[in-house]
Amino acid sequence: AYSQNGHDKQALKLFREMRLEGLKPNRVTFISILDVCASLATLAQGKESHASIIDSGLEVDVVVGTALVNMYGKCGSLDDARRVFDKMPQ
């Protein structure tokens, strides 16, 4: 809800707190946090989230993959965006 209402920094803070508590993000949470990373251009947080996405097995999800491509593109990491795009299922 924070990210959907323009409260990106609060969304990122809540996501970090959630992770510290040991809660595992789901598909919707990852998509939301990737949008926040894209909006704030926080590449380091985006890469950290990408690693968690790989660990959770959601990298093959087309919607999550699209959010990753968007985040990398908006953060200026076009090589990473292309790598994710090339790995996406057709």
PDB file of N, CA and C in Angstrom:
ATOM      1  N   ALA A   1       0.820  -1.192   0.000  1.00  0.00           N
ATOM      2  CA  ALA A   1       0.000   0.000   0.000  1.00  0.00           C
ATOM      3  C   ALA A   1       0.867   1.261   0.000  1.00  0.00           C
ATOM      4  N   TYR A   2       1.994   1.220   0.740  1.00  0.00           N
ATOM      5  CA  TYR A   2       2.875   2.385   0.754  1.00  0.00           C
ATOM      6  C   TYR A   2       3.350   2.722  -0.656  1.00  0.00           C
ATOM      7  N   SER A   3       3.824   1.700  -1.369  1.00  0.00           N
ATOM      8  CA  SER A   3       4.390   1.960  -2.693  1.00  0.00           C
ATOM      9  C   SER A   3       3.337   2.450  -3.677  1.00  0.00           C
ATOM     10  N   GLN A   4       2.120   1.984  -3.539  1.00  0.00           N
ATOM     11  CA  GLN A   4       1.048   2.383  -4.449  1.00  0.00           C
ATOM     12  C   GLN A   4       0.583   3.813  -4.206  1.00  0.00           C
ATOM     13  N   ASN A   5       0.930   4.353  -3.052  1.00  0.00           N
ATOM     14  CA  ASN A   5       0.502   5.709  -2.707  1.00  0.00           C
ATOM     15  C   ASN A   5       1.661   6.691  -2.663  1.00  0.00           C
ATOM     16  N   GLY A   6       2.769   6.331  -3.306  1.00  0.00           N
ATOM     17  CA  GLY A   6       3.894   7.254  -3.412  1.00  0.00           C
ATOM     18  C   GLY A   6       4.777   7.360  -2.187  1.00  0.00           C
ATOM     19  N   HIS A   7       4.655   6.430  -1.271  1.00  0.00           N
ATOM     20  CA  HIS A   7       5.474   6.445  -0.056  1.00  0.00           C
ATOM     21  C   HIS A   7       6.589   5.401  -0.196  1.00  0.00           C
ATOM     22  N   ASP A   8       7.445   5.629  -1.188  1.00  0.00           N
ATOM     23  CA  ASP A   8       8.462   4.642  -1.531  1.00  0.00           C
ATOM     24  C   ASP A   8       9.458   4.365  -0.414  1.00  0.00           C
ATOM     25  N   LYS A   9       9.913   5.402   0.250  1.00  0.00           N
ATOM     26  CA  LYS A   9      10.899   5.203   1.321  1.00  0.00           C
ATOM     27  C   LYS A   9      10.305   4.404   2.476  1.00  0.00           C
ATOM     28  N   GLN A  10       9.039   4.669   2.793  1.00  0.00           N
ATOM     29  CA  GLN A  10       8.388   3.904   3.854  1.00  0.00           C
ATOM     30  C   GLN A  10       8.205   2.442   3.438  1.00  0.00           C
ATOM     31  N   ALA A  11       7.892   2.217   2.175  1.00  0.00           N
ATOM     32  CA  ALA A  11       7.734   0.848   1.671  1.00  0.00           C
ATOM     33  C   ALA A  11       9.050   0.092   1.772  1.00  0.00           C
ATOM     34  N   LEU A  12      10.140   0.753   1.419  1.00  0.00           N
ATOM     35  CA  LEU A  12      11.457   0.129   1.491  1.00  0.00           C
ATOM     36  C   LEU A  12      11.831  -0.181   2.933  1.00  0.00           C
ATOM     37  N   LYS A  13      11.528   0.742   3.834  1.00  0.00           N
ATOM     38  CA  LYS A  13      11.803   0.517   5.260  1.00  0.00           C
ATOM     39  C   LYS A  13      11.001  -0.674   5.785  1.00  0.00           C
ATOM     40  N   LEU A  14       9.732  -0.745   5.430  1.00  0.00           N
ATOM     41  CA  LEU A  14       8.896  -1.853   5.869  1.00  0.00           C
ATOM     42  C   LEU A  14       9.395  -3.183   5.304  1.00  0.00           C
ATOM     43  N   PHE A  15       9.830  -3.173   4.055  1.00  0.00           N
ATOM     44  CA  PHE A  15      10.371  -4.386   3.432  1.00  0.00           C
ATOM     45  C   PHE A  15      11.608  -4.862   4.192  1.00  0.00           C
ATOM     46  N   ARG A  16      12.487  -3.937   4.531  1.00  0.00           N
ATOM     47  CA  ARG A  16      13.701  -4.309   5.287  1.00  0.00           C
ATOM     48  C   ARG A  16      13.342  -4.874   6.657  1.00  0.00           C
ATOM     49  N   GLU A  17      12.375  -4.252   7.331  1.00  0.00           N
ATOM     50  CA  GLU A  17      11.940  -4.748   8.636  1.00  0.00           C
ATOM     51  C   GLU A  17      11.333  -6.145   8.506  1.00  0.00           C
ATOM     52  N   MET A  18      10.565  -6.343   7.474  1.00  0.00           N
ATOM     53  CA  MET A  18       9.947  -7.636   7.224  1.00  0.00           C
ATOM     54  C   MET A  18      11.018  -8.715   7.063  1.00  0.00           C
ATOM     55  N   ARG A  19      12.063  -8.395   6.286  1.00  0.00           N
ATOM     56  CA  ARG A  19      13.153  -9.350   6.066  1.00  0.00           C
ATOM     57  C   ARG A  19      13.901  -9.639   7.367  1.00  0.00           C
ATOM     58  N   LEU A  20      14.125  -8.613   8.191  1.00  0.00           N
ATOM     59  CA  LEU A  20      14.812  -8.795   9.465  1.00  0.00           C
ATOM     60  C   LEU A  20      14.016  -9.692  10.400  1.00  0.00           C
ATOM     61  N   GLU A  21      12.701  -9.641  10.288  1.00  0.00           N
ATOM     62  CA  GLU A  21      11.831 -10.485  11.112  1.00  0.00           C
ATOM     63  C   GLU A  21      11.773 -11.925  10.588  1.00  0.00           C
ATOM     64  N   GLY A  22      12.397 -12.167   9.447  1.00  0.00           N
ATOM     65  CA  GLY A  22      12.422 -13.516   8.894  1.00  0.00           C
ATOM     66  C   GLY A  22      11.235 -13.855   8.012  1.00  0.00           C
ATOM     67  N   LEU A  23      10.426 -12.862   7.679  1.00  0.00           N
ATOM     68  CA  LEU A  23       9.281 -13.109   6.805  1.00  0.00           C
ATOM     69  C   LEU A  23       9.738 -13.197   5.361  1.00  0.00           C
ATOM     70  N   LYS A  24       9.172 -14.150   4.633  1.00  0.00           N
ATOM     71  CA  LYS A  24       9.552 -14.343   3.234  1.00  0.00           C
ATOM     72  C   LYS A  24       8.577 -13.596   2.320  1.00  0.00           C
ATOM     73  N   PRO A  25       9.129 -12.750   1.449  1.00  0.00           N
ATOM     74  CA  PRO A  25       8.259 -12.023   0.517  1.00  0.00           C
ATOM     75  C   PRO A  25       7.643 -12.967  -0.510  1.00  0.00           C
ATOM     76  N   ASN A  26       6.453 -12.627  -0.975  1.00  0.00           N
ATOM     77  CA  ASN A  26       5.829 -13.404  -2.048  1.00  0.00           C
ATOM     78  C   ASN A  26       5.962 -12.630  -3.355  1.00  0.00           C
ATOM     79  N   ARG A  27       5.370 -13.149  -4.380  1.00  0.00           N
ATOM     80  CA  ARG A  27       5.438 -12.575  -5.726  1.00  0.00           C
ATOM     81  C   ARG A  27       4.999 -11.102  -5.740  1.00  0.00           C
ATOM     82  N   VAL A  28       3.885 -10.815  -5.113  1.00  0.00           N
ATOM     83  CA  VAL A  28       3.351  -9.446  -5.093  1.00  0.00           C
ATOM     84  C   VAL A  28       4.283  -8.509  -4.339  1.00  0.00           C
ATOM     85  N   THR A  29       4.840  -8.976  -3.235  1.00  0.00           N
ATOM     86  CA  THR A  29       5.766  -8.153  -2.461  1.00  0.00           C
ATOM     87  C   THR A  29       7.003  -7.814  -3.282  1.00  0.00           C
ATOM     88  N   PHE A  30       7.542  -8.815  -3.972  1.00  0.00           N
ATOM     89  CA  PHE A  30       8.723  -8.565  -4.795  1.00  0.00           C
ATOM     90  C   PHE A  30       8.418  -7.574  -5.918  1.00  0.00           C
ATOM     91  N   ILE A  31       7.298  -7.736  -6.573  1.00  0.00           N
ATOM     92  CA  ILE A  31       6.938  -6.814  -7.657  1.00  0.00           C
ATOM     93  C   ILE A  31       6.829  -5.393  -7.119  1.00  0.00           C
ATOM     94  N   SER A  32       6.205  -5.236  -5.968  1.00  0.00           N
ATOM     95  CA  SER A  32       6.061  -3.907  -5.358  1.00  0.00           C
ATOM     96  C   SER A  32       7.406  -3.311  -4.990  1.00  0.00           C
ATOM     97  N   ILE A  33       8.277  -4.108  -4.386  1.00  0.00           N
ATOM     98  CA  ILE A  33       9.563  -3.560  -3.944  1.00  0.00           C
ATOM     99  C   ILE A  33      10.454  -3.258  -5.143  1.00  0.00           C
ATOM    100  N   LEU A  34      10.331  -4.026  -6.222  1.00  0.00           N
ATOM    101  CA  LEU A  34      11.098  -3.709  -7.428  1.00  0.00           C
ATOM    102  C   LEU A  34      10.628  -2.389  -8.043  1.00  0.00           C
ATOM    103  N   ASP A  35       9.332  -2.135  -7.977  1.00  0.00           N
ATOM    104  CA  ASP A  35       8.812  -0.849  -8.454  1.00  0.00           C
ATOM    105  C   ASP A  35       9.349   0.307  -7.606  1.00  0.00           C
ATOM    106  N   VAL A  36       9.450   0.080  -6.297  1.00  0.00           N
ATOM    107  CA  VAL A  36      10.014   1.091  -5.403  1.00  0.00           C
ATOM    108  C   VAL A  36      11.485   1.329  -5.762  1.00  0.00           C
ATOM    109  N   CYS A  37      12.234   0.256  -5.964  1.00  0.00           N
ATOM    110  CA  CYS A  37      13.647   0.389  -6.325  1.00  0.00           C
ATOM    111  C   CYS A  37      13.798   1.157  -7.633  1.00  0.00           C
ATOM    112  N   ALA A  38      12.924   0.881  -8.591  1.00  0.00           N
ATOM    113  CA  ALA A  38      12.956   1.598  -9.871  1.00  0.00           C
ATOM    114  C   ALA A  38      12.651   3.072  -9.660  1.00  0.00           C
ATOM    115  N   SER A  39      11.664   3.362  -8.844  1.00  0.00           N
ATOM    116  CA  SER A  39      11.254   4.747  -8.599  1.00  0.00           C
ATOM    117  C   SER A  39      12.355   5.547  -7.901  1.00  0.00           C
ATOM    118  N   LEU A  40      13.019   4.907  -6.944  1.00  0.00           N
ATOM    119  CA  LEU A  40      14.074   5.580  -6.179  1.00  0.00           C
ATOM    120  C   LEU A  40      15.454   5.415  -6.812  1.00  0.00           C
ATOM    121  N   ALA A  41      15.548   4.601  -7.876  1.00  0.00           N
ATOM    122  CA  ALA A  41      16.825   4.296  -8.540  1.00  0.00           C
ATOM    123  C   ALA A  41      17.847   3.743  -7.546  1.00  0.00           C
ATOM    124  N   THR A  42      17.395   2.812  -6.710  1.00  0.00           N
ATOM    125  CA  THR A  42      18.270   2.175  -5.719  1.00  0.00           C
ATOM    126  C   THR A  42      18.714   0.825  -6.259  1.00  0.00           C
ATOM    127  N   LEU A  43      19.754   0.855  -7.078  1.00  0.00           N
ATOM    128  CA  LEU A  43      20.237  -0.349  -7.741  1.00  0.00           C
ATOM    129  C   LEU A  43      20.707  -1.410  -6.741  1.00  0.00           C
ATOM    130  N   ALA A  44      21.398  -1.006  -5.695  1.00  0.00           N
ATOM    131  CA  ALA A  44      21.904  -1.976  -4.708  1.00  0.00           C
ATOM    132  C   ALA A  44      20.756  -2.756  -4.073  1.00  0.00           C
ATOM    133  N   GLN A  45      19.687  -2.061  -3.673  1.00  0.00           N
ATOM    134  CA  GLN A  45      18.522  -2.737  -3.091  1.00  0.00           C
ATOM    135  C   GLN A  45      17.853  -3.615  -4.137  1.00  0.00           C
ATOM    136  N   GLY A  46      17.805  -3.146  -5.377  1.00  0.00           N
ATOM    137  CA  GLY A  46      17.220  -3.938  -6.448  1.00  0.00           C
ATOM    138  C   GLY A  46      17.982  -5.227  -6.676  1.00  0.00           C
ATOM    139  N   LYS A  47      19.305  -5.152  -6.660  1.00  0.00           N
ATOM    140  CA  LYS A  47      20.126  -6.357  -6.840  1.00  0.00           C
ATOM    141  C   LYS A  47      19.957  -7.317  -5.668  1.00  0.00           C
ATOM    142  N   GLU A  48      19.849  -6.762  -4.472  1.00  0.00           N
ATOM    143  CA  GLU A  48      19.616  -7.595  -3.286  1.00  0.00           C
ATOM    144  C   GLU A  48      18.264  -8.312  -3.401  1.00  0.00           C
ATOM    145  N   SER A  49      17.266  -7.581  -3.864  1.00  0.00           N
ATOM    146  CA  SER A  49      15.944  -8.177  -4.061  1.00  0.00           C
ATOM    147  C   SER A  49      15.995  -9.244  -5.151  1.00  0.00           C
ATOM    148  N   HIS A  50      16.764  -8.988  -6.207  1.00  0.00           N
ATOM    149  CA  HIS A  50      16.906  -9.971  -7.282  1.00  0.00           C
ATOM    150  C   HIS A  50      17.503 -11.269  -6.751  1.00  0.00           C
ATOM    151  N   ALA A  51      18.504 -11.162  -5.891  1.00  0.00           N
ATOM    152  CA  ALA A  51      19.101 -12.360  -5.295  1.00  0.00           C
ATOM    153  C   ALA A  51      18.063 -13.136  -4.488  1.00  0.00           C
ATOM    154  N   SER A  52      17.225 -12.427  -3.752  1.00  0.00           N
ATOM    155  CA  SER A  52      16.161 -13.085  -2.982  1.00  0.00           C
ATOM    156  C   SER A  52      15.132 -13.730  -3.904  1.00  0.00           C
ATOM    157  N   ILE A  53      14.863 -13.086  -5.027  1.00  0.00           N
ATOM    158  CA  ILE A  53      13.926 -13.644  -6.005  1.00  0.00           C
ATOM    159  C   ILE A  53      14.470 -14.947  -6.563  1.00  0.00           C
ATOM    160  N   ILE A  54      15.758 -14.972  -6.864  1.00  0.00           N
ATOM    161  CA  ILE A  54      16.386 -16.211  -7.353  1.00  0.00           C
ATOM    162  C   ILE A  54      16.278 -17.301  -6.298  1.00  0.00           C
ATOM    163  N   ASP A  55      16.594 -16.958  -5.048  1.00  0.00           N
ATOM    164  CA  ASP A  55      16.521 -17.932  -3.950  1.00  0.00           C
ATOM    165  C   ASP A  55      15.123 -18.496  -3.765  1.00  0.00           C
ATOM    166  N   SER A  56      14.112 -17.680  -4.030  1.00  0.00           N
ATOM    167  CA  SER A  56      12.734 -18.129  -3.823  1.00  0.00           C
ATOM    168  C   SER A  56      12.161 -18.828  -5.057  1.00  0.00           C
ATOM    169  N   GLY A  57      12.932 -18.872  -6.150  1.00  0.00           N
ATOM    170  CA  GLY A  57      12.479 -19.575  -7.348  1.00  0.00           C
ATOM    171  C   GLY A  57      11.494 -18.790  -8.200  1.00  0.00           C
ATOM    172  N   LEU A  58      11.380 -17.500  -7.958  1.00  0.00           N
ATOM    173  CA  LEU A  58      10.404 -16.698  -8.692  1.00  0.00           C
ATOM    174  C   LEU A  58      10.979 -16.003  -9.927  1.00  0.00           C
ATOM    175  N   GLU A  59      12.243 -16.234 -10.222  1.00  0.00           N
ATOM    176  CA  GLU A  59      12.861 -15.559 -11.361  1.00  0.00           C
ATOM    177  C   GLU A  59      12.210 -15.973 -12.686  1.00  0.00           C
ATOM    178  N   VAL A  60      11.623 -17.172 -12.732  1.00  0.00           N
ATOM    179  CA  VAL A  60      10.990 -17.636 -13.971  1.00  0.00           C
ATOM    180  C   VAL A  60       9.587 -17.067 -14.161  1.00  0.00           C
ATOM    181  N   ASP A  61       9.054 -16.381 -13.168  1.00  0.00           N
ATOM    182  CA  ASP A  61       7.739 -15.745 -13.275  1.00  0.00           C
ATOM    183  C   ASP A  61       7.859 -14.551 -14.222  1.00  0.00           C
ATOM    184  N   VAL A  62       7.044 -14.531 -15.261  1.00  0.00           N
ATOM    185  CA  VAL A  62       7.135 -13.490 -16.291  1.00  0.00           C
ATOM    186  C   VAL A  62       6.850 -12.106 -15.720  1.00  0.00           C
ATOM    187  N   VAL A  63       5.901 -11.988 -14.817  1.00  0.00           N
ATOM    188  CA  VAL A  63       5.576 -10.675 -14.244  1.00  0.00           C
ATOM    189  C   VAL A  63       6.718 -10.186 -13.355  1.00  0.00           C
ATOM    190  N   VAL A  64       7.293 -11.075 -12.573  1.00  0.00           N
ATOM    191  CA  VAL A  64       8.449 -10.713 -11.744  1.00  0.00           C
ATOM    192  C   VAL A  64       9.624 -10.348 -12.653  1.00  0.00           C
ATOM    193  N   GLY A  65       9.834 -11.135 -13.704  1.00  0.00           N
ATOM    194  CA  GLY A  65      10.903 -10.837 -14.657  1.00  0.00           C
ATOM    195  C   GLY A  65      10.737  -9.480 -15.304  1.00  0.00           C
ATOM    196  N   THR A  66       9.513  -9.144 -15.654  1.00  0.00           N
ATOM    197  CA  THR A  66       9.236  -7.838 -16.246  1.00  0.00           C
ATOM    198  C   THR A  66       9.534  -6.722 -15.250  1.00  0.00           C
ATOM    199  N   ALA A  67       9.189  -6.934 -13.986  1.00  0.00           N
ATOM    200  CA  ALA A  67       9.493  -5.937 -12.949  1.00  0.00           C
ATOM    201  C   ALA A  67      11.006  -5.784 -12.777  1.00  0.00           C
ATOM    202  N   LEU A  68      11.738  -6.887 -12.888  1.00  0.00           N
ATOM    203  CA  LEU A  68      13.201  -6.825 -12.805  1.00  0.00           C
ATOM    204  C   LEU A  68      13.781  -6.036 -13.969  1.00  0.00           C
ATOM    205  N   VAL A  69      13.314  -6.321 -15.175  1.00  0.00           N
ATOM    206  CA  VAL A  69      13.792  -5.593 -16.363  1.00  0.00           C
ATOM    207  C   VAL A  69      13.517  -4.103 -16.198  1.00  0.00           C
ATOM    208  N   ASN A  70      12.320  -3.765 -15.749  1.00  0.00           N
ATOM    209  CA  ASN A  70      11.942  -2.371 -15.526  1.00  0.00           C
ATOM    210  C   ASN A  70      12.853  -1.717 -14.492  1.00  0.00           C
ATOM    211  N   MET A  71      13.071  -2.409 -13.379  1.00  0.00           N
ATOM    212  CA  MET A  71      13.903  -1.850 -12.317  1.00  0.00           C
ATOM    213  C   MET A  71      15.326  -1.618 -12.811  1.00  0.00           C
ATOM    214  N   TYR A  72      15.921  -2.620 -13.462  1.00  0.00           N
ATOM    215  CA  TYR A  72      17.289  -2.456 -13.951  1.00  0.00           C
ATOM    216  C   TYR A  72      17.371  -1.333 -14.984  1.00  0.00           C
ATOM    217  N   GLY A  73      16.401  -1.264 -15.862  1.00  0.00           N
ATOM    218  CA  GLY A  73      16.391  -0.214 -16.874  1.00  0.00           C
ATOM    219  C   GLY A  73      16.317   1.172 -16.263  1.00  0.00           C
ATOM    220  N   LYS A  74      15.416   1.352 -15.309  1.00  0.00           N
ATOM    221  CA  LYS A  74      15.256   2.666 -14.679  1.00  0.00           C
ATOM    222  C   LYS A  74      16.433   3.032 -13.790  1.00  0.00           C
ATOM    223  N   CYS A  75      17.164   2.013 -13.324  1.00  0.00           N
ATOM    224  CA  CYS A  75      18.358   2.274 -12.519  1.00  0.00           C
ATOM    225  C   CYS A  75      19.598   2.459 -13.401  1.00  0.00           C
ATOM    226  N   GLY A  76      19.429   2.330 -14.717  1.00  0.00           N
ATOM    227  CA  GLY A  76      20.531   2.549 -15.639  1.00  0.00           C
ATOM    228  C   GLY A  76      21.433   1.359 -15.870  1.00  0.00           C
ATOM    229  N   SER A  77      21.019   0.191 -15.409  1.00  0.00           N
ATOM    230  CA  SER A  77      21.829  -1.022 -15.575  1.00  0.00           C
ATOM    231  C   SER A  77      21.263  -1.845 -16.736  1.00  0.00           C
ATOM    232  N   LEU A  78      21.524  -1.372 -17.939  1.00  0.00           N
ATOM    233  CA  LEU A  78      20.922  -1.987 -19.124  1.00  0.00           C
ATOM    234  C   LEU A  78      21.449  -3.385 -19.402  1.00  0.00           C
ATOM    235  N   ASP A  79      22.707  -3.654 -19.066  1.00  0.00           N
ATOM    236  CA  ASP A  79      23.241  -5.012 -19.253  1.00  0.00           C
ATOM    237  C   ASP A  79      22.490  -6.013 -18.381  1.00  0.00           C
ATOM    238  N   ASP A  80      22.229  -5.630 -17.132  1.00  0.00           N
ATOM    239  CA  ASP A  80      21.466  -6.513 -16.240  1.00  0.00           C
ATOM    240  C   ASP A  80      20.038  -6.679 -16.742  1.00  0.00           C
ATOM    241  N   ALA A  81      19.443  -5.598 -17.218  1.00  0.00           N
ATOM    242  CA  ALA A  81      18.084  -5.676 -17.759  1.00  0.00           C
ATOM    243  C   ALA A  81      18.041  -6.658 -18.924  1.00  0.00           C
ATOM    244  N   ARG A  82      19.017  -6.586 -19.790  1.00  0.00           N
ATOM    245  CA  ARG A  82      19.069  -7.477 -20.954  1.00  0.00           C
ATOM    246  C   ARG A  82      19.268  -8.934 -20.533  1.00  0.00           C
ATOM    247  N   ARG A  83      20.137  -9.167 -19.534  1.00  0.00           N
ATOM    248  CA  ARG A  83      20.363 -10.545 -19.057  1.00  0.00           C
ATOM    249  C   ARG A  83      19.075 -11.152 -18.508  1.00  0.00           C
ATOM    250  N   VAL A  84      18.349 -10.381 -17.716  1.00  0.00           N
ATOM    251  CA  VAL A  84      17.073 -10.872 -17.171  1.00  0.00           C
ATOM    252  C   VAL A  84      16.093 -11.142 -18.304  1.00  0.00           C
ATOM    253  N   PHE A  85      16.001 -10.198 -19.233  1.00  0.00           N
ATOM    254  CA  PHE A  85      15.086 -10.355 -20.369  1.00  0.00           C
ATOM    255  C   PHE A  85      15.407 -11.613 -21.168  1.00  0.00           C
ATOM    256  N   ASP A  86      16.674 -11.844 -21.421  1.00  0.00           N
ATOM    257  CA  ASP A  86      17.082 -13.017 -22.203  1.00  0.00           C
ATOM    258  C   ASP A  86      16.782 -14.337 -21.502  1.00  0.00           C
ATOM    259  N   LYS A  87      16.708 -14.327 -20.175  1.00  0.00           N
ATOM    260  CA  LYS A  87      16.409 -15.548 -19.407  1.00  0.00           C
ATOM    261  C   LYS A  87      14.922 -15.797 -19.216  1.00  0.00           C
ATOM    262  N   MET A  88      14.096 -14.808 -19.564  1.00  0.00           N
ATOM    263  CA  MET A  88      12.661 -14.946 -19.332  1.00  0.00           C
ATOM    264  C   MET A  88      12.073 -16.011 -20.262  1.00  0.00           C
ATOM    265  N   PRO A  89      11.121 -16.799 -19.739  1.00  0.00           N
ATOM    266  CA  PRO A  89      10.459 -17.784 -20.596  1.00  0.00           C
ATOM    267  C   PRO A  89       9.619 -17.081 -21.667  1.00  0.00           C
ATOM    268  N   GLN A  90       9.518 -17.740 -22.794  1.00  0.00           N
ATOM    269  CA  GLN A  90       8.783 -17.120 -23.918  1.00  0.00           C
ATOM    270  C   GLN A  90       7.335 -17.466 -23.910  1.00  0.00           C
TER     271      GLN A  90
END
